[in-house]
Amino acid sequence: MVKSGQKGDFVELTVAANLRNSGCTVYFPFGNDSKADLIAEYNNKLYKIQCKYAHVTPTEDGGIDYAKFKTYSTARSGEKIPYTKNDVDFFATIVADRTYLIPIEDITSIEQRLRFSRPKNNQTKRIMYADNYIMESVLQKL
């Protein structure tokens, strides 16, 4: 069984490699007291990125319905501490071998869902569709 920290390490290294392959220079903060997992330099600007493992919920036909990831850190006391604009610029996650970059301004919940299919109830408000956060497309807009 893979431990939680190992899942996080895998996501962090995969995001870093994919950012590098997309033309970013990637830096890693030293120590355990940084809110950002890595810093990406793109077009001469620096972006703080928090990498998160996403739990995938499948559709009935075997596709991906949504992926859920946490947008907080957990204190030793168990308290959930949400990340702020001062902490990070983006969250990054990997789903089905694709990297997604989500600006912190778009985060609406401490457990954010990235949708891959339309909700069964046809809800449209506060829905984050994965196609809008594909890393290469987000980088092109910077």
N, C-alpha and C. Protein backbone atom coordinates (compact mmCIF):
# COMPACT_ATOMS: atom_id res chain seq x y z
N MET A 1 0.83 -1.18 0.00
CA MET A 1 0.00 0.00 0.00
C MET A 1 0.88 1.25 0.00
N VAL A 2 0.54 2.21 -0.82
CA VAL A 2 1.31 3.44 -0.92
C VAL A 2 0.88 4.40 0.18
N LYS A 3 1.85 4.96 0.90
CA LYS A 3 1.56 5.89 1.99
C LYS A 3 1.22 7.27 1.42
N SER A 4 0.51 8.05 2.21
CA SER A 4 0.07 9.39 1.79
C SER A 4 1.24 10.26 1.35
N GLY A 5 2.32 10.26 2.12
CA GLY A 5 3.49 11.07 1.77
C GLY A 5 4.11 10.65 0.45
N GLN A 6 4.07 9.35 0.16
CA GLN A 6 4.61 8.86 -1.11
C GLN A 6 3.75 9.34 -2.28
N LYS A 7 2.43 9.36 -2.10
CA LYS A 7 1.54 9.87 -3.14
C LYS A 7 1.85 11.34 -3.41
N GLY A 8 2.03 12.10 -2.34
CA GLY A 8 2.35 13.53 -2.48
C GLY A 8 3.68 13.73 -3.18
N ASP A 9 4.68 12.93 -2.82
CA ASP A 9 6.00 13.02 -3.47
C ASP A 9 5.89 12.74 -4.96
N PHE A 10 5.12 11.73 -5.31
CA PHE A 10 4.93 11.38 -6.72
C PHE A 10 4.30 12.54 -7.49
N VAL A 11 3.25 13.12 -6.92
CA VAL A 11 2.58 14.25 -7.58
C VAL A 11 3.55 15.42 -7.73
N GLU A 12 4.27 15.73 -6.67
CA GLU A 12 5.21 16.86 -6.70
C GLU A 12 6.28 16.68 -7.78
N LEU A 13 6.89 15.51 -7.83
CA LEU A 13 7.94 15.27 -8.82
C LEU A 13 7.40 15.22 -10.25
N THR A 14 6.20 14.66 -10.41
CA THR A 14 5.59 14.59 -11.74
C THR A 14 5.21 15.99 -12.22
N VAL A 15 4.63 16.80 -11.35
CA VAL A 15 4.30 18.18 -11.71
C VAL A 15 5.57 18.93 -12.09
N ALA A 16 6.63 18.78 -11.29
CA ALA A 16 7.89 19.47 -11.58
C ALA A 16 8.44 19.06 -12.94
N ALA A 17 8.43 17.77 -13.23
CA ALA A 17 8.94 17.30 -14.53
C ALA A 17 8.09 17.83 -15.67
N ASN A 18 6.77 17.84 -15.50
CA ASN A 18 5.89 18.32 -16.57
C ASN A 18 6.02 19.83 -16.76
N LEU A 19 6.22 20.57 -15.69
CA LEU A 19 6.47 22.01 -15.82
C LEU A 19 7.78 22.25 -16.56
N ARG A 20 8.79 21.48 -16.20
CA ARG A 20 10.10 21.60 -16.86
C ARG A 20 9.98 21.30 -18.35
N ASN A 21 9.25 20.26 -18.69
CA ASN A 21 9.05 19.90 -20.10
C ASN A 21 8.23 20.93 -20.86
N SER A 22 7.52 21.79 -20.12
CA SER A 22 6.71 22.85 -20.76
C SER A 22 7.45 24.18 -20.79
N GLY A 23 8.74 24.17 -20.45
CA GLY A 23 9.54 25.38 -20.58
C GLY A 23 9.75 26.16 -19.30
N CYS A 24 9.32 25.64 -18.18
CA CYS A 24 9.52 26.33 -16.90
C CYS A 24 10.85 25.91 -16.27
N THR A 25 11.43 26.83 -15.53
CA THR A 25 12.53 26.49 -14.63
C THR A 25 11.86 26.21 -13.29
N VAL A 26 12.25 25.13 -12.63
CA VAL A 26 11.59 24.72 -11.40
C VAL A 26 12.56 24.78 -10.24
N TYR A 27 12.12 25.37 -9.14
CA TYR A 27 12.91 25.48 -7.91
C TYR A 27 12.16 24.79 -6.79
N PHE A 28 12.91 24.20 -5.86
CA PHE A 28 12.31 23.55 -4.70
C PHE A 28 12.72 24.31 -3.44
N PRO A 29 11.74 24.76 -2.63
CA PRO A 29 12.07 25.40 -1.36
C PRO A 29 12.79 24.41 -0.45
N PHE A 30 13.70 24.91 0.36
CA PHE A 30 14.45 24.06 1.28
C PHE A 30 13.74 24.02 2.63
N GLY A 31 13.59 22.84 3.20
CA GLY A 31 12.99 22.68 4.52
C GLY A 31 11.51 22.36 4.44
N ASN A 32 10.93 22.17 5.60
CA ASN A 32 9.52 21.78 5.67
C ASN A 32 8.59 22.92 6.05
N ASP A 33 9.10 24.14 6.12
CA ASP A 33 8.25 25.23 6.60
C ASP A 33 7.73 26.13 5.48
N SER A 34 7.86 25.71 4.24
CA SER A 34 7.37 26.49 3.11
C SER A 34 5.95 26.06 2.77
N LYS A 35 5.10 27.03 2.46
CA LYS A 35 3.72 26.72 2.06
C LYS A 35 3.69 26.16 0.63
N ALA A 36 4.65 26.54 -0.20
CA ALA A 36 4.70 26.07 -1.59
C ALA A 36 5.59 24.83 -1.67
N ASP A 37 5.18 23.88 -2.51
CA ASP A 37 5.99 22.69 -2.75
C ASP A 37 7.09 22.97 -3.76
N LEU A 38 6.80 23.84 -4.69
CA LEU A 38 7.80 24.20 -5.69
C LEU A 38 7.50 25.59 -6.24
N ILE A 39 8.48 26.15 -6.91
CA ILE A 39 8.34 27.46 -7.55
C ILE A 39 8.69 27.28 -9.01
N ALA A 40 7.80 27.77 -9.86
CA ALA A 40 8.02 27.65 -11.30
C ALA A 40 8.29 29.04 -11.85
N GLU A 41 9.35 29.14 -12.65
CA GLU A 41 9.65 30.40 -13.34
C GLU A 41 9.19 30.23 -14.78
N TYR A 42 8.32 31.15 -15.21
CA TYR A 42 7.78 31.10 -16.57
C TYR A 42 7.65 32.53 -17.07
N ASN A 43 8.20 32.79 -18.25
CA ASN A 43 8.19 34.15 -18.83
C ASN A 43 8.73 35.18 -17.84
N ASN A 44 9.82 34.83 -17.16
CA ASN A 44 10.51 35.71 -16.22
C ASN A 44 9.69 36.08 -14.98
N LYS A 45 8.69 35.29 -14.65
CA LYS A 45 7.92 35.49 -13.42
C LYS A 45 7.95 34.22 -12.60
N LEU A 46 7.88 34.37 -11.28
CA LEU A 46 7.89 33.24 -10.36
C LEU A 46 6.48 32.96 -9.84
N TYR A 47 6.13 31.67 -9.78
CA TYR A 47 4.82 31.24 -9.32
C TYR A 47 4.98 30.17 -8.25
N LYS A 48 4.36 30.40 -7.09
CA LYS A 48 4.39 29.43 -5.99
C LYS A 48 3.30 28.39 -6.22
N ILE A 49 3.67 27.11 -6.16
CA ILE A 49 2.74 26.03 -6.47
C ILE A 49 2.68 25.03 -5.32
N GLN A 50 1.45 24.70 -4.92
CA GLN A 50 1.19 23.67 -3.93
C GLN A 50 0.64 22.46 -4.68
N CYS A 51 1.33 21.33 -4.58
CA CYS A 51 0.94 20.11 -5.30
C CYS A 51 0.07 19.25 -4.40
N LYS A 52 -1.00 18.71 -4.96
CA LYS A 52 -1.94 17.92 -4.18
C LYS A 52 -2.31 16.63 -4.90
N TYR A 53 -2.35 15.55 -4.15
CA TYR A 53 -2.84 14.28 -4.67
C TYR A 53 -4.35 14.39 -4.81
N ALA A 54 -4.91 13.92 -5.92
CA ALA A 54 -6.35 13.98 -6.16
C ALA A 54 -6.96 12.58 -6.07
N HIS A 55 -8.06 12.48 -5.35
CA HIS A 55 -8.84 11.24 -5.26
C HIS A 55 -9.87 11.26 -6.39
N VAL A 56 -9.85 10.24 -7.24
CA VAL A 56 -10.70 10.20 -8.43
C VAL A 56 -11.97 9.40 -8.15
N THR A 57 -13.10 9.95 -8.59
CA THR A 57 -14.39 9.25 -8.53
C THR A 57 -14.78 8.90 -9.95
N PRO A 58 -14.98 7.60 -10.24
CA PRO A 58 -15.28 7.18 -11.61
C PRO A 58 -16.76 7.37 -11.97
N THR A 59 -17.02 7.41 -13.28
CA THR A 59 -18.39 7.40 -13.78
C THR A 59 -18.85 5.94 -13.88
N GLU A 60 -20.11 5.75 -14.14
CA GLU A 60 -20.65 4.39 -14.25
C GLU A 60 -20.04 3.63 -15.42
N ASP A 61 -19.61 4.35 -16.48
CA ASP A 61 -19.04 3.68 -17.66
C ASP A 61 -17.52 3.56 -17.60
N GLY A 62 -16.93 3.87 -16.44
CA GLY A 62 -15.50 3.70 -16.26
C GLY A 62 -14.65 4.92 -16.54
N GLY A 63 -15.28 6.03 -16.91
CA GLY A 63 -14.54 7.29 -17.12
C GLY A 63 -14.29 7.97 -15.78
N ILE A 64 -13.94 9.25 -15.83
CA ILE A 64 -13.69 10.02 -14.61
C ILE A 64 -14.82 11.02 -14.44
N ASP A 65 -15.49 10.98 -13.30
CA ASP A 65 -16.54 11.93 -12.98
C ASP A 65 -15.89 13.22 -12.46
N TYR A 66 -15.15 13.08 -11.36
CA TYR A 66 -14.43 14.23 -10.81
C TYR A 66 -13.23 13.75 -10.01
N ALA A 67 -12.32 14.69 -9.77
CA ALA A 67 -11.17 14.45 -8.91
C ALA A 67 -11.24 15.47 -7.79
N LYS A 68 -11.04 15.03 -6.55
CA LYS A 68 -11.14 15.92 -5.40
C LYS A 68 -9.77 16.04 -4.74
N PHE A 69 -9.41 17.28 -4.40
CA PHE A 69 -8.14 17.50 -3.70
C PHE A 69 -8.33 18.52 -2.59
N LYS A 70 -7.47 18.44 -1.59
CA LYS A 70 -7.55 19.34 -0.44
C LYS A 70 -6.84 20.66 -0.76
N THR A 71 -7.41 21.75 -0.27
CA THR A 71 -6.79 23.06 -0.48
C THR A 71 -6.38 23.67 0.86
N TYR A 72 -5.97 22.79 1.77
CA TYR A 72 -5.56 23.23 3.09
C TYR A 72 -4.39 22.38 3.56
N SER A 73 -3.70 22.88 4.56
CA SER A 73 -2.70 22.07 5.26
C SER A 73 -3.30 21.70 6.61
N THR A 74 -2.74 20.70 7.24
CA THR A 74 -3.27 20.26 8.52
C THR A 74 -2.22 20.51 9.60
N ALA A 75 -2.61 21.28 10.61
CA ALA A 75 -1.72 21.57 11.73
C ALA A 75 -1.58 20.31 12.59
N ARG A 76 -0.58 20.29 13.45
CA ARG A 76 -0.39 19.13 14.34
C ARG A 76 -1.60 18.89 15.22
N SER A 77 -2.33 19.96 15.51
CA SER A 77 -3.54 19.85 16.33
C SER A 77 -4.71 19.24 15.57
N GLY A 78 -4.54 19.09 14.23
CA GLY A 78 -5.62 18.58 13.40
C GLY A 78 -6.42 19.68 12.72
N GLU A 79 -6.13 20.93 13.08
CA GLU A 79 -6.84 22.06 12.48
C GLU A 79 -6.54 22.16 10.98
N LYS A 80 -7.58 22.43 10.18
CA LYS A 80 -7.42 22.62 8.74
C LYS A 80 -7.13 24.10 8.49
N ILE A 81 -5.99 24.36 7.84
CA ILE A 81 -5.57 25.73 7.58
C ILE A 81 -5.58 25.97 6.07
N PRO A 82 -6.58 26.71 5.57
CA PRO A 82 -6.66 26.94 4.12
C PRO A 82 -5.47 27.77 3.62
N TYR A 83 -5.02 27.45 2.42
CA TYR A 83 -3.99 28.26 1.78
C TYR A 83 -4.61 29.57 1.30
N THR A 84 -3.81 30.63 1.26
CA THR A 84 -4.27 31.94 0.82
C THR A 84 -3.46 32.40 -0.38
N LYS A 85 -3.86 33.53 -0.96
CA LYS A 85 -3.13 34.12 -2.09
C LYS A 85 -1.70 34.48 -1.70
N ASN A 86 -1.47 34.74 -0.42
CA ASN A 86 -0.12 35.04 0.05
C ASN A 86 0.75 33.78 0.11
N ASP A 87 0.12 32.63 0.23
CA ASP A 87 0.85 31.36 0.37
C ASP A 87 1.25 30.78 -0.98
N VAL A 88 0.29 30.69 -1.91
CA VAL A 88 0.53 30.05 -3.20
C VAL A 88 -0.23 30.78 -4.30
N ASP A 89 0.25 30.59 -5.52
CA ASP A 89 -0.42 31.15 -6.70
C ASP A 89 -1.30 30.10 -7.38
N PHE A 90 -0.87 28.83 -7.32
CA PHE A 90 -1.57 27.74 -7.99
C PHE A 90 -1.56 26.48 -7.14
N PHE A 91 -2.60 25.68 -7.33
CA PHE A 91 -2.58 24.29 -6.91
C PHE A 91 -2.30 23.48 -8.17
N ALA A 92 -1.61 22.37 -8.01
CA ALA A 92 -1.34 21.48 -9.15
C ALA A 92 -1.70 20.06 -8.73
N THR A 93 -2.25 19.32 -9.67
CA THR A 93 -2.56 17.92 -9.41
C THR A 93 -2.41 17.13 -10.71
N ILE A 94 -2.35 15.82 -10.56
CA ILE A 94 -2.22 14.91 -11.69
C ILE A 94 -3.45 14.01 -11.71
N VAL A 95 -4.12 13.94 -12.85
CA VAL A 95 -5.24 13.02 -13.03
C VAL A 95 -5.08 12.36 -14.40
N ALA A 96 -5.08 11.05 -14.40
CA ALA A 96 -4.98 10.28 -15.66
C ALA A 96 -3.78 10.77 -16.50
N ASP A 97 -2.64 10.89 -15.86
CA ASP A 97 -1.38 11.27 -16.52
C ASP A 97 -1.39 12.67 -17.13
N ARG A 98 -2.28 13.52 -16.68
CA ARG A 98 -2.32 14.91 -17.16
C ARG A 98 -2.19 15.84 -15.96
N THR A 99 -1.45 16.93 -16.15
CA THR A 99 -1.23 17.90 -15.08
C THR A 99 -2.23 19.05 -15.20
N TYR A 100 -2.79 19.42 -14.05
CA TYR A 100 -3.75 20.52 -13.99
C TYR A 100 -3.21 21.59 -13.05
N LEU A 101 -3.31 22.84 -13.48
CA LEU A 101 -2.90 24.01 -12.68
C LEU A 101 -4.14 24.84 -12.39
N ILE A 102 -4.45 25.02 -11.12
CA ILE A 102 -5.64 25.75 -10.73
C ILE A 102 -5.22 27.00 -9.95
N PRO A 103 -5.53 28.19 -10.48
CA PRO A 103 -5.19 29.43 -9.74
C PRO A 103 -5.92 29.47 -8.40
N ILE A 104 -5.26 29.95 -7.38
CA ILE A 104 -5.88 29.99 -6.06
C ILE A 104 -7.13 30.86 -6.07
N GLU A 105 -7.20 31.83 -6.96
CA GLU A 105 -8.39 32.69 -7.05
C GLU A 105 -9.64 31.90 -7.46
N ASP A 106 -9.45 30.76 -8.10
CA ASP A 106 -10.58 29.95 -8.56
C ASP A 106 -11.06 28.93 -7.53
N ILE A 107 -10.33 28.82 -6.44
CA ILE A 107 -10.68 27.83 -5.41
C ILE A 107 -11.91 28.32 -4.63
N THR A 108 -12.89 27.41 -4.49
CA THR A 108 -14.14 27.77 -3.81
C THR A 108 -14.42 26.91 -2.58
N SER A 109 -13.57 25.93 -2.29
CA SER A 109 -13.84 25.01 -1.19
C SER A 109 -12.54 24.47 -0.63
N ILE A 110 -12.56 24.02 0.63
CA ILE A 110 -11.34 23.43 1.19
C ILE A 110 -11.09 22.04 0.63
N GLU A 111 -12.11 21.44 0.04
CA GLU A 111 -11.93 20.20 -0.71
C GLU A 111 -12.52 20.45 -2.09
N GLN A 112 -11.66 20.79 -3.03
CA GLN A 112 -12.08 21.25 -4.35
C GLN A 112 -12.29 20.08 -5.31
N ARG A 113 -13.35 20.16 -6.09
CA ARG A 113 -13.62 19.15 -7.12
C ARG A 113 -13.29 19.70 -8.49
N LEU A 114 -12.58 18.91 -9.24
CA LEU A 114 -12.25 19.20 -10.63
C LEU A 114 -13.10 18.25 -11.47
N ARG A 115 -14.06 18.79 -12.21
CA ARG A 115 -15.04 17.96 -12.92
C ARG A 115 -14.55 17.54 -14.29
N PHE A 116 -14.80 16.29 -14.62
CA PHE A 116 -14.48 15.74 -15.94
C PHE A 116 -15.75 15.43 -16.72
N SER A 117 -16.89 15.42 -16.04
CA SER A 117 -18.17 15.18 -16.70
C SER A 117 -19.20 16.11 -16.07
N ARG A 118 -20.31 16.31 -16.76
CA ARG A 118 -21.38 17.17 -16.25
C ARG A 118 -22.04 16.51 -15.04
N PRO A 119 -22.39 17.31 -14.03
CA PRO A 119 -23.11 16.75 -12.88
C PRO A 119 -24.47 16.21 -13.31
N LYS A 120 -24.90 15.15 -12.67
CA LYS A 120 -26.19 14.54 -13.01
C LYS A 120 -27.36 15.49 -12.77
N ASN A 121 -27.21 16.41 -11.83
CA ASN A 121 -28.29 17.35 -11.53
C ASN A 121 -28.23 18.61 -12.41
N ASN A 122 -27.30 18.62 -13.38
CA ASN A 122 -27.13 19.74 -14.32
C ASN A 122 -26.73 21.06 -13.66
N GLN A 123 -26.18 20.98 -12.46
CA GLN A 123 -25.70 22.18 -11.79
C GLN A 123 -24.63 22.84 -12.66
N THR A 124 -24.63 24.17 -12.71
CA THR A 124 -23.62 24.89 -13.50
C THR A 124 -22.81 25.86 -12.65
N LYS A 125 -23.36 26.34 -11.54
CA LYS A 125 -22.65 27.29 -10.69
C LYS A 125 -21.57 26.60 -9.88
N ARG A 126 -20.44 27.27 -9.77
CA ARG A 126 -19.31 26.80 -8.95
C ARG A 126 -18.74 25.46 -9.41
N ILE A 127 -18.89 25.16 -10.69
CA ILE A 127 -18.34 23.92 -11.25
C ILE A 127 -17.00 24.25 -11.90
N MET A 128 -15.98 23.51 -11.55
CA MET A 128 -14.65 23.68 -12.14
C MET A 128 -14.40 22.54 -13.11
N TYR A 129 -14.50 22.82 -14.40
CA TYR A 129 -14.27 21.77 -15.39
C TYR A 129 -12.77 21.62 -15.65
N ALA A 130 -12.32 20.39 -15.62
CA ALA A 130 -10.90 20.08 -15.77
C ALA A 130 -10.30 20.67 -17.04
N ASP A 131 -11.06 20.67 -18.13
CA ASP A 131 -10.55 21.19 -19.40
C ASP A 131 -10.06 22.63 -19.31
N ASN A 132 -10.58 23.39 -18.36
CA ASN A 132 -10.16 24.79 -18.20
C ASN A 132 -8.84 24.94 -17.45
N TYR A 133 -8.32 23.84 -16.91
CA TYR A 133 -7.13 23.92 -16.06
C TYR A 133 -5.98 23.03 -16.52
N ILE A 134 -6.01 22.60 -17.76
CA ILE A 134 -4.90 21.81 -18.29
C ILE A 134 -3.65 22.68 -18.27
N MET A 135 -2.57 22.15 -17.71
CA MET A 135 -1.36 22.93 -17.45
C MET A 135 -0.88 23.73 -18.66
N GLU A 136 -0.78 23.11 -19.81
CA GLU A 136 -0.24 23.79 -21.00
C GLU A 136 -1.10 25.00 -21.36
N SER A 137 -2.42 24.86 -21.25
CA SER A 137 -3.32 25.98 -21.58
C SER A 137 -3.20 27.10 -20.55
N VAL A 138 -3.08 26.74 -19.29
CA VAL A 138 -2.94 27.76 -18.23
C VAL A 138 -1.63 28.52 -18.42
N LEU A 139 -0.55 27.82 -18.72
CA LEU A 139 0.74 28.48 -18.93
C LEU A 139 0.69 29.45 -20.11
N GLN A 140 -0.01 29.10 -21.16
CA GLN A 140 -0.11 29.98 -22.32
C GLN A 140 -0.79 31.31 -21.98
N LYS A 141 -1.64 31.32 -20.96
CA LYS A 141 -2.35 32.53 -20.56
C LYS A 141 -1.55 33.43 -19.64
N LEU A 142 -0.41 32.93 -19.16
CA LEU A 142 0.42 33.74 -18.23
C LEU A 142 1.26 34.74 -18.98
